[in-house]
Amino acid sequence: MNRVGFIASSLLVLLALASSVLFVVDQRQFGVVYALGQIKDVVTEPGLHFKLPPPFQNVSYIDKRLLTLDSVDAEPMLTLEKQRVVIDWYVRWRVTQPTDYIRNVGLDEKAGASQLNRVVRNAFQEEINKRTVKDLLSSKREALMADVKREVLQAVQGAKPWGVDVVDVRITRVDYVEAITDSVYKRMVAERQRVANELRSTGAAEGEKIRADADRQREVTVANAYRDAQKIKGEGDAEASRTYAESFGKDPQFAQFYRSLDAYKASFNKKSDVMVLDPSSEFFKTMRGSGAGVAPPTGKK
């Protein structure tokens, strides 16, 4: 048992010693070796590497991948025409020189993101001050982002380089501040309401015009129809009178008989009509026929 315990203890000691002198660098990282607080070596190649055990040497890691920094504040910026706008943006960046980065920025990615956020925001503020809202919303936005990227690169590659590379700078949203947005929205609603009212008024006026024109055409059509009807009726009455005159002229007794029938028809219009007349009256002369001494109507040739 003592031998087994000795072997186990020895293996544990060897493992502890190996873990203190060996370290693994991932392909997505830089390995930075410190000796008594100073940078001793920067390992860029992935794999298993050796170092002295602590406290002689220590190792830390910095991400070498392409990182994204999104805007975190909504502080408004002033445009050329003194309009307050809020923008959302993002930056794509990476650490390229770990030594410069650690010396001038910080020990991890958070330190670089914090300082880069300040630099990018200042660059945006400077460039937006030179442009109008229309420029921010048009194709000139590309020029704005290019100028911001140039200024950021000048800042991070200055007298004390940060050891980073800024790959891209992009604007994702441009908007007015909330108070102005509400005002613009209300103004848009009022404008749409005005246009709607104008269209309704125009439509109502056109409707009245169409109805008036239709009424006028109806009156003209009715008047023309009445005129034509009266003309036709007059022609018919004239033709009937001529026909009657010719017929009555040929046979006066038939004319008297026909007029008597018209008189009877007009007098006995309803079953409830009551007439009190002298039977010997001339009115019933036709009804009495030949018995009253009047010959029945005969036609002449």
C-alpha atoms as a PDB file:
ATOM      1  CA  MET A   1       0.000   0.000   0.000  1.00  0.00           C
ATOM      2  CA  ASN A   2       2.804   2.367   0.796  1.00  0.00           C
ATOM      3  CA  ARG A   3       4.255   1.737  -2.638  1.00  0.00           C
ATOM      4  CA  VAL A   4       0.915   2.399  -4.341  1.00  0.00           C
ATOM      5  CA  GLY A   5       0.466   5.580  -2.319  1.00  0.00           C
ATOM      6  CA  PHE A   6       3.946   6.705  -3.209  1.00  0.00           C
ATOM      7  CA  ILE A   7       3.300   6.161  -6.917  1.00  0.00           C
ATOM      8  CA  ALA A   8      -0.010   7.994  -6.759  1.00  0.00           C
ATOM      9  CA  SER A   9       1.540  10.901  -4.893  1.00  0.00           C
ATOM     10  CA  SER A  10       4.368  11.059  -7.386  1.00  0.00           C
ATOM     11  CA  LEU A  11       1.921  11.134 -10.305  1.00  0.00           C
ATOM     12  CA  LEU A  12      -0.013  13.946  -8.665  1.00  0.00           C
ATOM     13  CA  VAL A  13       3.176  15.925  -8.131  1.00  0.00           C
ATOM     14  CA  LEU A  14       4.187  15.350 -11.751  1.00  0.00           C
ATOM     15  CA  LEU A  15       0.775  16.438 -12.995  1.00  0.00           C
ATOM     16  CA  ALA A  16       0.890  19.556 -10.868  1.00  0.00           C
ATOM     17  CA  LEU A  17       4.384  20.351 -12.117  1.00  0.00           C
ATOM     18  CA  ALA A  18       3.363  19.706 -15.729  1.00  0.00           C
ATOM     19  CA  SER A  19       0.284  21.945 -15.407  1.00  0.00           C
ATOM     20  CA  SER A  20       2.478  24.734 -14.060  1.00  0.00           C
ATOM     21  CA  VAL A  21       4.990  24.594 -16.910  1.00  0.00           C
ATOM     22  CA  LEU A  22       2.678  23.611 -19.813  1.00  0.00           C
ATOM     23  CA  PHE A  23      -0.114  25.685 -21.365  1.00  0.00           C
ATOM     24  CA  VAL A  24      -2.319  25.320 -24.425  1.00  0.00           C
ATOM     25  CA  VAL A  25      -2.989  28.155 -26.876  1.00  0.00           C
ATOM     26  CA  ASP A  26      -6.240  27.875 -28.816  1.00  0.00           C
ATOM     27  CA  GLN A  27      -6.279  28.855 -32.492  1.00  0.00           C
ATOM     28  CA  ARG A  28      -8.733  31.652 -31.612  1.00  0.00           C
ATOM     29  CA  GLN A  29      -6.403  33.219 -29.019  1.00  0.00           C
ATOM     30  CA  PHE A  30      -3.068  34.865 -28.386  1.00  0.00           C
ATOM     31  CA  GLY A  31      -1.082  33.498 -25.461  1.00  0.00           C
ATOM     32  CA  VAL A  32       0.796  36.220 -23.523  1.00  0.00           C
ATOM     33  CA  VAL A  33       3.556  34.998 -21.177  1.00  0.00           C
ATOM     34  CA  TYR A  34       4.467  37.315 -18.253  1.00  0.00           C
ATOM     35  CA  ALA A  35       7.717  37.137 -16.306  1.00  0.00           C
ATOM     36  CA  LEU A  36       7.518  39.016 -12.986  1.00  0.00           C
ATOM     37  CA  GLY A  37       4.762  41.270 -14.372  1.00  0.00           C
ATOM     38  CA  GLN A  38       6.508  42.024 -17.670  1.00  0.00           C
ATOM     39  CA  ILE A  39       5.578  40.637 -21.078  1.00  0.00           C
ATOM     40  CA  LYS A  40       8.073  37.907 -21.809  1.00  0.00           C
ATOM     41  CA  ASP A  41       6.615  36.367 -24.939  1.00  0.00           C
ATOM     42  CA  VAL A  42       3.529  36.415 -27.161  1.00  0.00           C
ATOM     43  CA  VAL A  43       2.493  33.026 -28.538  1.00  0.00           C
ATOM     44  CA  THR A  44       0.539  33.288 -31.790  1.00  0.00           C
ATOM     45  CA  GLU A  45       0.701  29.659 -32.885  1.00  0.00           C
ATOM     46  CA  PRO A  46      -1.878  27.238 -31.438  1.00  0.00           C
ATOM     47  CA  GLY A  47      -0.687  24.146 -29.583  1.00  0.00           C
ATOM     48  CA  LEU A  48       1.121  23.013 -26.412  1.00  0.00           C
ATOM     49  CA  HIS A  49       3.803  25.376 -25.088  1.00  0.00           C
ATOM     50  CA  PHE A  50       6.228  25.545 -22.134  1.00  0.00           C
ATOM     51  CA  LYS A  51       6.872  28.240 -19.532  1.00  0.00           C
ATOM     52  CA  LEU A  52       8.422  28.510 -16.087  1.00  0.00           C
ATOM     53  CA  PRO A  53       6.180  27.662 -13.183  1.00  0.00           C
ATOM     54  CA  PRO A  54       4.547  30.475 -11.164  1.00  0.00           C
ATOM     55  CA  PRO A  55       5.526  32.874  -9.768  1.00  0.00           C
ATOM     56  CA  PHE A  56       8.332  33.099 -12.318  1.00  0.00           C
ATOM     57  CA  GLN A  57       6.041  33.106 -15.331  1.00  0.00           C
ATOM     58  CA  ASN A  58       2.277  33.383 -15.879  1.00  0.00           C
ATOM     59  CA  VAL A  59       0.137  33.246 -19.006  1.00  0.00           C
ATOM     60  CA  SER A  60      -3.026  35.095 -20.091  1.00  0.00           C
ATOM     61  CA  TYR A  61      -5.101  34.949 -23.271  1.00  0.00           C
ATOM     62  CA  ILE A  62      -6.490  37.568 -25.651  1.00  0.00           C
ATOM     63  CA  ASP A  63      -9.105  36.810 -28.291  1.00  0.00           C
ATOM     64  CA  LYS A  64      -7.793  37.168 -31.846  1.00  0.00           C
ATOM     65  CA  ARG A  65     -11.164  36.755 -33.569  1.00  0.00           C
ATOM     66  CA  LEU A  66     -13.140  39.488 -35.287  1.00  0.00           C
ATOM     67  CA  LEU A  67     -15.174  41.201 -32.554  1.00  0.00           C
ATOM     68  CA  THR A  68     -18.338  43.303 -32.751  1.00  0.00           C
ATOM     69  CA  LEU A  69     -18.884  46.437 -30.720  1.00  0.00           C
ATOM     70  CA  ASP A  70     -22.475  47.749 -30.639  1.00  0.00           C
ATOM     71  CA  SER A  71     -23.472  51.212 -29.512  1.00  0.00           C
ATOM     72  CA  VAL A  72     -24.644  51.131 -25.907  1.00  0.00           C
ATOM     73  CA  ASP A  73     -25.981  54.653 -25.322  1.00  0.00           C
ATOM     74  CA  ALA A  74     -28.797  56.668 -26.824  1.00  0.00           C
ATOM     75  CA  GLU A  75     -27.356  60.118 -26.249  1.00  0.00           C
ATOM     76  CA  PRO A  76     -28.600  62.462 -29.026  1.00  0.00           C
ATOM     77  CA  MET A  77     -26.221  64.167 -31.448  1.00  0.00           C
ATOM     78  CA  LEU A  78     -26.623  67.504 -33.231  1.00  0.00           C
ATOM     79  CA  THR A  79     -26.694  67.724 -37.020  1.00  0.00           C
ATOM     80  CA  LEU A  80     -25.626  70.678 -39.150  1.00  0.00           C
ATOM     81  CA  GLU A  81     -29.122  72.229 -38.891  1.00  0.00           C
ATOM     82  CA  LYS A  82     -29.095  71.703 -35.097  1.00  0.00           C
ATOM     83  CA  GLN A  83     -31.492  68.762 -35.163  1.00  0.00           C
ATOM     84  CA  ARG A  84     -31.120  66.240 -32.357  1.00  0.00           C
ATOM     85  CA  VAL A  85     -30.851  62.695 -33.666  1.00  0.00           C
ATOM     86  CA  VAL A  86     -30.129  59.320 -32.136  1.00  0.00           C
ATOM     87  CA  ILE A  87     -28.075  56.780 -34.078  1.00  0.00           C
ATOM     88  CA  ASP A  88     -27.321  53.096 -33.597  1.00  0.00           C
ATOM     89  CA  TRP A  89     -24.028  51.795 -34.916  1.00  0.00           C
ATOM     90  CA  TYR A  90     -21.628  48.873 -34.679  1.00  0.00           C
ATOM     91  CA  VAL A  91     -17.909  48.378 -35.240  1.00  0.00           C
ATOM     92  CA  ARG A  92     -16.062  45.243 -36.366  1.00  0.00           C
ATOM     93  CA  TRP A  93     -12.562  45.107 -34.896  1.00  0.00           C
ATOM     94  CA  ARG A  94      -9.805  42.688 -33.827  1.00  0.00           C
ATOM     95  CA  VAL A  95      -6.586  42.654 -31.818  1.00  0.00           C
ATOM     96  CA  THR A  96      -3.542  42.391 -34.106  1.00  0.00           C
ATOM     97  CA  GLN A  97      -0.618  43.310 -31.801  1.00  0.00           C
ATOM     98  CA  PRO A  98      -1.156  41.899 -28.300  1.00  0.00           C
ATOM     99  CA  THR A  99       1.922  43.657 -26.870  1.00  0.00           C
ATOM    100  CA  ASP A 100       0.783  47.143 -27.934  1.00  0.00           C
ATOM    101  CA  TYR A 101      -2.752  46.312 -26.899  1.00  0.00           C
ATOM    102  CA  ILE A 102      -1.769  45.297 -23.362  1.00  0.00           C
ATOM    103  CA  ARG A 103       0.578  48.253 -22.892  1.00  0.00           C
ATOM    104  CA  ASN A 104      -1.720  50.968 -24.253  1.00  0.00           C
ATOM    105  CA  VAL A 105      -5.261  49.626 -23.820  1.00  0.00           C
ATOM    106  CA  GLY A 106      -5.733  46.864 -21.253  1.00  0.00           C
ATOM    107  CA  LEU A 107      -5.467  43.219 -20.379  1.00  0.00           C
ATOM    108  CA  ASP A 108      -8.715  41.985 -21.965  1.00  0.00           C
ATOM    109  CA  GLU A 109     -11.219  42.713 -24.726  1.00  0.00           C
ATOM    110  CA  LYS A 110     -13.573  44.658 -22.464  1.00  0.00           C
ATOM    111  CA  ALA A 111     -10.981  47.375 -21.932  1.00  0.00           C
ATOM    112  CA  GLY A 112     -10.536  47.795 -25.690  1.00  0.00           C
ATOM    113  CA  ALA A 113     -14.303  47.816 -26.311  1.00  0.00           C
ATOM    114  CA  SER A 114     -14.819  50.517 -23.682  1.00  0.00           C
ATOM    115  CA  GLN A 115     -12.169  52.834 -25.094  1.00  0.00           C
ATOM    116  CA  LEU A 116     -13.130  52.098 -28.694  1.00  0.00           C
ATOM    117  CA  ASN A 117     -16.760  52.981 -27.916  1.00  0.00           C
ATOM    118  CA  ARG A 118     -15.650  56.435 -26.745  1.00  0.00           C
ATOM    119  CA  VAL A 119     -13.493  57.032 -29.821  1.00  0.00           C
ATOM    120  CA  VAL A 120     -16.185  55.892 -32.271  1.00  0.00           C
ATOM    121  CA  ARG A 121     -18.847  58.006 -30.605  1.00  0.00           C
ATOM    122  CA  ASN A 122     -16.660  61.123 -30.735  1.00  0.00           C
ATOM    123  CA  ALA A 123     -15.931  60.472 -34.413  1.00  0.00           C
ATOM    124  CA  PHE A 124     -19.625  60.107 -35.185  1.00  0.00           C
ATOM    125  CA  GLN A 125     -20.417  63.303 -33.293  1.00  0.00           C
ATOM    126  CA  GLU A 126     -17.794  65.234 -35.240  1.00  0.00           C
ATOM    127  CA  GLU A 127     -18.960  63.957 -38.616  1.00  0.00           C
ATOM    128  CA  ILE A 128     -22.685  64.319 -37.913  1.00  0.00           C
ATOM    129  CA  ASN A 129     -22.102  67.959 -36.920  1.00  0.00           C
ATOM    130  CA  LYS A 130     -21.013  68.539 -40.527  1.00  0.00           C
ATOM    131  CA  ARG A 131     -24.065  66.931 -42.134  1.00  0.00           C
ATOM    132  CA  THR A 132     -27.813  67.388 -42.351  1.00  0.00           C
ATOM    133  CA  VAL A 133     -30.495  64.866 -41.527  1.00  0.00           C
ATOM    134  CA  LYS A 134     -31.073  64.391 -45.254  1.00  0.00           C
ATOM    135  CA  ASP A 135     -27.409  63.408 -45.673  1.00  0.00           C
ATOM    136  CA  LEU A 136     -27.782  60.808 -42.919  1.00  0.00           C
ATOM    137  CA  LEU A 137     -30.734  59.233 -44.683  1.00  0.00           C
ATOM    138  CA  SER A 138     -29.409  59.376 -48.243  1.00  0.00           C
ATOM    139  CA  SER A 139     -26.569  57.715 -50.113  1.00  0.00           C
ATOM    140  CA  LYS A 140     -24.162  60.128 -48.420  1.00  0.00           C
ATOM    141  CA  ARG A 141     -24.367  57.899 -45.361  1.00  0.00           C
ATOM    142  CA  GLU A 142     -21.654  55.701 -46.909  1.00  0.00           C
ATOM    143  CA  ALA A 143     -19.275  58.658 -47.005  1.00  0.00           C
ATOM    144  CA  LEU A 144     -20.083  59.415 -43.378  1.00  0.00           C
ATOM    145  CA  MET A 145     -19.224  55.868 -42.268  1.00  0.00           C
ATOM    146  CA  ALA A 146     -16.003  55.929 -44.302  1.00  0.00           C
ATOM    147  CA  ASP A 147     -14.940  59.213 -42.651  1.00  0.00           C
ATOM    148  CA  VAL A 148     -15.738  57.831 -39.194  1.00  0.00           C
ATOM    149  CA  LYS A 149     -13.689  54.708 -39.890  1.00  0.00           C
ATOM    150  CA  ARG A 150     -10.768  56.851 -41.074  1.00  0.00           C
ATOM    151  CA  GLU A 151     -10.856  58.979 -37.909  1.00  0.00           C
ATOM    152  CA  VAL A 152     -11.069  55.907 -35.671  1.00  0.00           C
ATOM    153  CA  LEU A 153      -8.084  54.308 -37.409  1.00  0.00           C
ATOM    154  CA  GLN A 154      -6.103  57.508 -36.969  1.00  0.00           C
ATOM    155  CA  ALA A 155      -6.918  57.466 -33.248  1.00  0.00           C
ATOM    156  CA  VAL A 156      -5.986  53.813 -32.652  1.00  0.00           C
ATOM    157  CA  GLN A 157      -2.856  53.990 -34.826  1.00  0.00           C
ATOM    158  CA  GLY A 158      -1.499  57.251 -33.427  1.00  0.00           C
ATOM    159  CA  ALA A 159       1.573  57.949 -31.268  1.00  0.00           C
ATOM    160  CA  LYS A 160       0.551  55.134 -28.930  1.00  0.00           C
ATOM    161  CA  PRO A 161      -0.907  52.444 -31.188  1.00  0.00           C
ATOM    162  CA  TRP A 162      -3.572  50.247 -29.687  1.00  0.00           C
ATOM    163  CA  GLY A 163      -2.541  47.148 -31.595  1.00  0.00           C
ATOM    164  CA  VAL A 164      -6.034  46.762 -33.079  1.00  0.00           C
ATOM    165  CA  ASP A 165      -7.513  46.904 -36.555  1.00  0.00           C
ATOM    166  CA  VAL A 166     -10.922  48.449 -37.262  1.00  0.00           C
ATOM    167  CA  VAL A 167     -12.439  46.465 -40.135  1.00  0.00           C
ATOM    168  CA  ASP A 168     -15.803  48.174 -40.554  1.00  0.00           C
ATOM    169  CA  VAL A 169     -18.024  50.899 -39.112  1.00  0.00           C
ATOM    170  CA  ARG A 170     -21.765  50.830 -39.831  1.00  0.00           C
ATOM    171  CA  ILE A 171     -24.878  52.837 -38.948  1.00  0.00           C
ATOM    172  CA  THR A 172     -27.952  50.685 -38.363  1.00  0.00           C
ATOM    173  CA  ARG A 173     -30.527  53.333 -37.430  1.00  0.00           C
ATOM    174  CA  VAL A 174     -30.986  57.103 -37.555  1.00  0.00           C
ATOM    175  CA  ASP A 175     -33.944  58.616 -35.729  1.00  0.00           C
ATOM    176  CA  TYR A 176     -35.071  61.809 -34.078  1.00  0.00           C
ATOM    177  CA  VAL A 177     -35.211  62.010 -30.313  1.00  0.00           C
ATOM    178  CA  GLU A 178     -38.533  60.920 -28.822  1.00  0.00           C
ATOM    179  CA  ALA A 179     -39.965  64.425 -28.385  1.00  0.00           C
ATOM    180  CA  ILE A 180     -39.197  65.366 -31.992  1.00  0.00           C
ATOM    181  CA  THR A 181     -40.445  61.997 -33.230  1.00  0.00           C
ATOM    182  CA  ASP A 182     -43.819  62.601 -31.576  1.00  0.00           C
ATOM    183  CA  SER A 183     -43.976  66.070 -33.110  1.00  0.00           C
ATOM    184  CA  VAL A 184     -43.089  64.752 -36.571  1.00  0.00           C
ATOM    185  CA  TYR A 185     -45.673  61.986 -36.227  1.00  0.00           C
ATOM    186  CA  LYS A 186     -48.400  64.461 -35.247  1.00  0.00           C
ATOM    187  CA  ARG A 187     -47.422  66.725 -38.132  1.00  0.00           C
ATOM    188  CA  MET A 188     -47.610  63.788 -40.527  1.00  0.00           C
ATOM    189  CA  VAL A 189     -51.045  62.844 -39.186  1.00  0.00           C
ATOM    190  CA  ALA A 190     -52.238  66.442 -39.585  1.00  0.00           C
ATOM    191  CA  GLU A 191     -50.896  66.577 -43.141  1.00  0.00           C
ATOM    192  CA  ARG A 192     -52.583  63.294 -44.080  1.00  0.00           C
ATOM    193  CA  GLN A 193     -55.808  64.543 -42.483  1.00  0.00           C
ATOM    194  CA  ARG A 194     -55.598  67.748 -44.512  1.00  0.00           C
ATOM    195  CA  VAL A 195     -55.072  65.806 -47.734  1.00  0.00           C
ATOM    196  CA  ALA A 196     -57.978  63.493 -46.845  1.00  0.00           C
ATOM    197  CA  ASN A 197     -60.277  66.441 -46.166  1.00  0.00           C
ATOM    198  CA  GLU A 198     -59.210  68.077 -49.417  1.00  0.00           C
ATOM    199  CA  LEU A 199     -59.942  64.882 -51.333  1.00  0.00           C
ATOM    200  CA  ARG A 200     -63.325  64.553 -49.622  1.00  0.00           C
ATOM    201  CA  SER A 201     -64.195  68.177 -50.504  1.00  0.00           C
ATOM    202  CA  THR A 202     -63.109  67.675 -54.100  1.00  0.00           C
ATOM    203  CA  GLY A 203     -65.109  64.455 -54.296  1.00  0.00           C
ATOM    204  CA  ALA A 204     -68.198  66.105 -52.826  1.00  0.00           C
ATOM    205  CA  ALA A 205     -67.917  68.985 -55.311  1.00  0.00           C
ATOM    206  CA  GLU A 206     -67.505  66.570 -58.214  1.00  0.00           C
ATOM    207  CA  GLY A 207     -70.475  64.574 -56.932  1.00  0.00           C
ATOM    208  CA  GLU A 208     -72.678  67.664 -56.797  1.00  0.00           C
ATOM    209  CA  LYS A 209     -71.546  68.632 -60.284  1.00  0.00           C
ATOM    210  CA  ILE A 210     -72.350  65.176 -61.636  1.00  0.00           C
ATOM    211  CA  ARG A 211     -75.759  65.123 -59.899  1.00  0.00           C
ATOM    212  CA  ALA A 212     -76.598  68.631 -61.198  1.00  0.00           C
ATOM    213  CA  ASP A 213     -75.601  67.643 -64.714  1.00  0.00           C
ATOM    214  CA  ALA A 214     -77.673  64.452 -64.456  1.00  0.00           C
ATOM    215  CA  ASP A 215     -80.699  66.426 -63.188  1.00  0.00           C
ATOM    216  CA  ARG A 216     -80.299  68.913 -66.032  1.00  0.00           C
ATOM    217  CA  GLN A 217     -80.077  66.129 -68.600  1.00  0.00           C
ATOM    218  CA  ARG A 218     -83.134  64.465 -67.060  1.00  0.00           C
ATOM    219  CA  GLU A 219     -85.126  67.702 -67.263  1.00  0.00           C
ATOM    220  CA  VAL A 220     -84.057  68.232 -70.861  1.00  0.00           C
ATOM    221  CA  THR A 221     -84.902  64.645 -71.764  1.00  0.00           C
ATOM    222  CA  VAL A 222     -88.311  64.831 -70.073  1.00  0.00           C
ATOM    223  CA  ALA A 223     -89.052  68.185 -71.716  1.00  0.00           C
ATOM    224  CA  ASN A 224     -88.059  66.874 -75.144  1.00  0.00           C
ATOM    225  CA  ALA A 225     -90.123  63.737 -74.613  1.00  0.00           C
ATOM    226  CA  TYR A 226     -93.139  65.796 -73.504  1.00  0.00           C
ATOM    227  CA  ARG A 227     -92.717  68.065 -76.511  1.00  0.00           C
ATOM    228  CA  ASP A 228     -92.537  65.124 -78.879  1.00  0.00           C
ATOM    229  CA  ALA A 229     -95.484  63.466 -77.159  1.00  0.00           C
ATOM    230  CA  GLN A 230     -97.589  66.608 -77.421  1.00  0.00           C
ATOM    231  CA  LYS A 231     -96.612  66.993 -81.030  1.00  0.00           C
ATOM    232  CA  ILE A 232     -97.559  63.411 -81.795  1.00  0.00           C
ATOM    233  CA  LYS A 233    -100.747  63.762 -79.771  1.00  0.00           C
ATOM    234  CA  GLY A 234    -101.660  66.935 -81.621  1.00  0.00           C
ATOM    235  CA  GLU A 235    -101.011  65.279 -84.950  1.00  0.00           C
ATOM    236  CA  GLY A 236    -103.129  62.315 -83.836  1.00  0.00           C
ATOM    237  CA  ASP A 237    -105.945  64.578 -82.649  1.00  0.00           C
ATOM    238  CA  ALA A 238    -105.813  66.475 -85.919  1.00  0.00           C
ATOM    239  CA  GLU A 239    -105.925  63.255 -87.904  1.00  0.00           C
ATOM    240  CA  ALA A 240    -108.788  61.986 -85.729  1.00  0.00           C
ATOM    241  CA  SER A 241    -110.713  65.255 -86.168  1.00  0.00           C
ATOM    242  CA  ARG A 242    -110.188  65.104 -89.914  1.00  0.00           C
ATOM    243  CA  THR A 243    -111.355  61.505 -89.981  1.00  0.00           C
ATOM    244  CA  TYR A 244    -114.374  62.319 -87.829  1.00  0.00           C
ATOM    245  CA  ALA A 245    -115.186  65.317 -90.024  1.00  0.00           C
ATOM    246  CA  GLU A 246    -115.036  63.229 -93.159  1.00  0.00           C
ATOM    247  CA  SER A 247    -117.154  60.500 -91.592  1.00  0.00           C
ATOM    248  CA  PHE A 248    -119.686  62.863 -90.066  1.00  0.00           C
ATOM    249  CA  GLY A 249    -119.920  64.787 -93.329  1.00  0.00           C
ATOM    250  CA  LYS A 250    -120.873  61.636 -95.166  1.00  0.00           C
ATOM    251  CA  ASP A 251    -123.602  60.616 -92.650  1.00  0.00           C
ATOM    252  CA  PRO A 252    -125.029  63.321 -90.329  1.00  0.00           C
ATOM    253  CA  GLN A 253    -127.337  60.838 -88.575  1.00  0.00           C
ATOM    254  CA  PHE A 254    -124.315  58.644 -87.682  1.00  0.00           C
ATOM    255  CA  ALA A 255    -122.550  61.702 -86.334  1.00  0.00           C
ATOM    256  CA  GLN A 256    -125.553  62.488 -84.122  1.00  0.00           C
ATOM    257  CA  PHE A 257    -125.695  58.875 -83.002  1.00  0.00           C
ATOM    258  CA  TYR A 258    -121.935  58.783 -82.178  1.00  0.00           C
ATOM    259  CA  ARG A 259    -122.151  62.016 -80.177  1.00  0.00           C
ATOM    260  CA  SER A 260    -125.124  60.650 -78.236  1.00  0.00           C
ATOM    261  CA  LEU A 261    -123.140  57.539 -77.346  1.00  0.00           C
ATOM    262  CA  ASP A 262    -120.259  59.702 -76.089  1.00  0.00           C
ATOM    263  CA  ALA A 263    -122.732  61.680 -73.988  1.00  0.00           C
ATOM    264  CA  TYR A 264    -124.244  58.513 -72.520  1.00  0.00           C
ATOM    265  CA  LYS A 265    -120.768  57.139 -71.758  1.00  0.00           C
ATOM    266  CA  ALA A 266    -119.776  60.334 -69.965  1.00  0.00           C
ATOM    267  CA  SER A 267    -123.100  60.506 -68.041  1.00  0.00           C
ATOM    268  CA  PHE A 268    -123.282  56.872 -66.952  1.00  0.00           C
ATOM    269  CA  ASN A 269    -119.645  56.641 -65.875  1.00  0.00           C
ATOM    270  CA  LYS A 270    -120.324  54.863 -62.569  1.00  0.00           C
ATOM    271  CA  LYS A 271    -122.896  52.369 -61.413  1.00  0.00           C
ATOM    272  CA  SER A 272    -123.761  54.572 -58.456  1.00  0.00           C
ATOM    273  CA  ASP A 273    -124.566  57.605 -60.607  1.00  0.00           C
ATOM    274  CA  VAL A 274    -128.209  58.733 -60.396  1.00  0.00           C
ATOM    275  CA  MET A 275    -129.801  61.049 -62.984  1.00  0.00           C
ATOM    276  CA  VAL A 276    -133.320  62.536 -62.875  1.00  0.00           C
ATOM    277  CA  LEU A 277    -134.389  63.466 -66.405  1.00  0.00           C
ATOM    278  CA  ASP A 278    -137.594  63.933 -68.354  1.00  0.00           C
ATOM    279  CA  PRO A 279    -138.064  60.847 -70.536  1.00  0.00           C
ATOM    280  CA  SER A 280    -139.341  63.058 -73.295  1.00  0.00           C
ATOM    281  CA  SER A 281    -136.066  64.951 -73.240  1.00  0.00           C
ATOM    282  CA  GLU A 282    -133.933  65.126 -76.336  1.00  0.00           C
ATOM    283  CA  PHE A 283    -131.160  63.425 -74.287  1.00  0.00           C
ATOM    284  CA  PHE A 284    -132.869  60.012 -74.692  1.00  0.00           C
ATOM    285  CA  LYS A 285    -133.846  60.568 -78.263  1.00  0.00           C
ATOM    286  CA  THR A 286    -131.244  58.129 -79.571  1.00  0.00           C
ATOM    287  CA  MET A 287    -132.171  55.483 -76.973  1.00  0.00           C
ATOM    288  CA  ARG A 288    -135.818  55.611 -78.028  1.00  0.00           C
ATOM    289  CA  GLY A 289    -134.709  54.794 -81.557  1.00  0.00           C
ATOM    290  CA  SER A 290    -137.323  54.548 -84.308  1.00  0.00           C
ATOM    291  CA  GLY A 291    -140.111  54.451 -81.753  1.00  0.00           C
ATOM    292  CA  ALA A 292    -139.567  58.159 -81.128  1.00  0.00           C
ATOM    293  CA  GLY A 293    -139.641  58.938 -84.783  1.00  0.00           C
ATOM    294  CA  VAL A 294    -135.940  59.005 -85.314  1.00  0.00           C
ATOM    295  CA  ALA A 295    -134.490  56.637 -87.836  1.00  0.00           C
ATOM    296  CA  PRO A 296    -131.505  54.549 -86.765  1.00  0.00           C
ATOM    297  CA  PRO A 297    -128.165  55.612 -88.183  1.00  0.00           C
ATOM    298  CA  THR A 298    -127.388  54.266 -91.614  1.00  0.00           C
ATOM    299  CA  GLY A 299    -124.256  54.525 -93.628  1.00  0.00           C
ATOM    300  CA  LYS A 300    -124.031  56.247 -96.963  1.00  0.00           C
ATOM    301  CA  LYS A 301    -121.996  55.227 -99.892  1.00  0.00           C
END
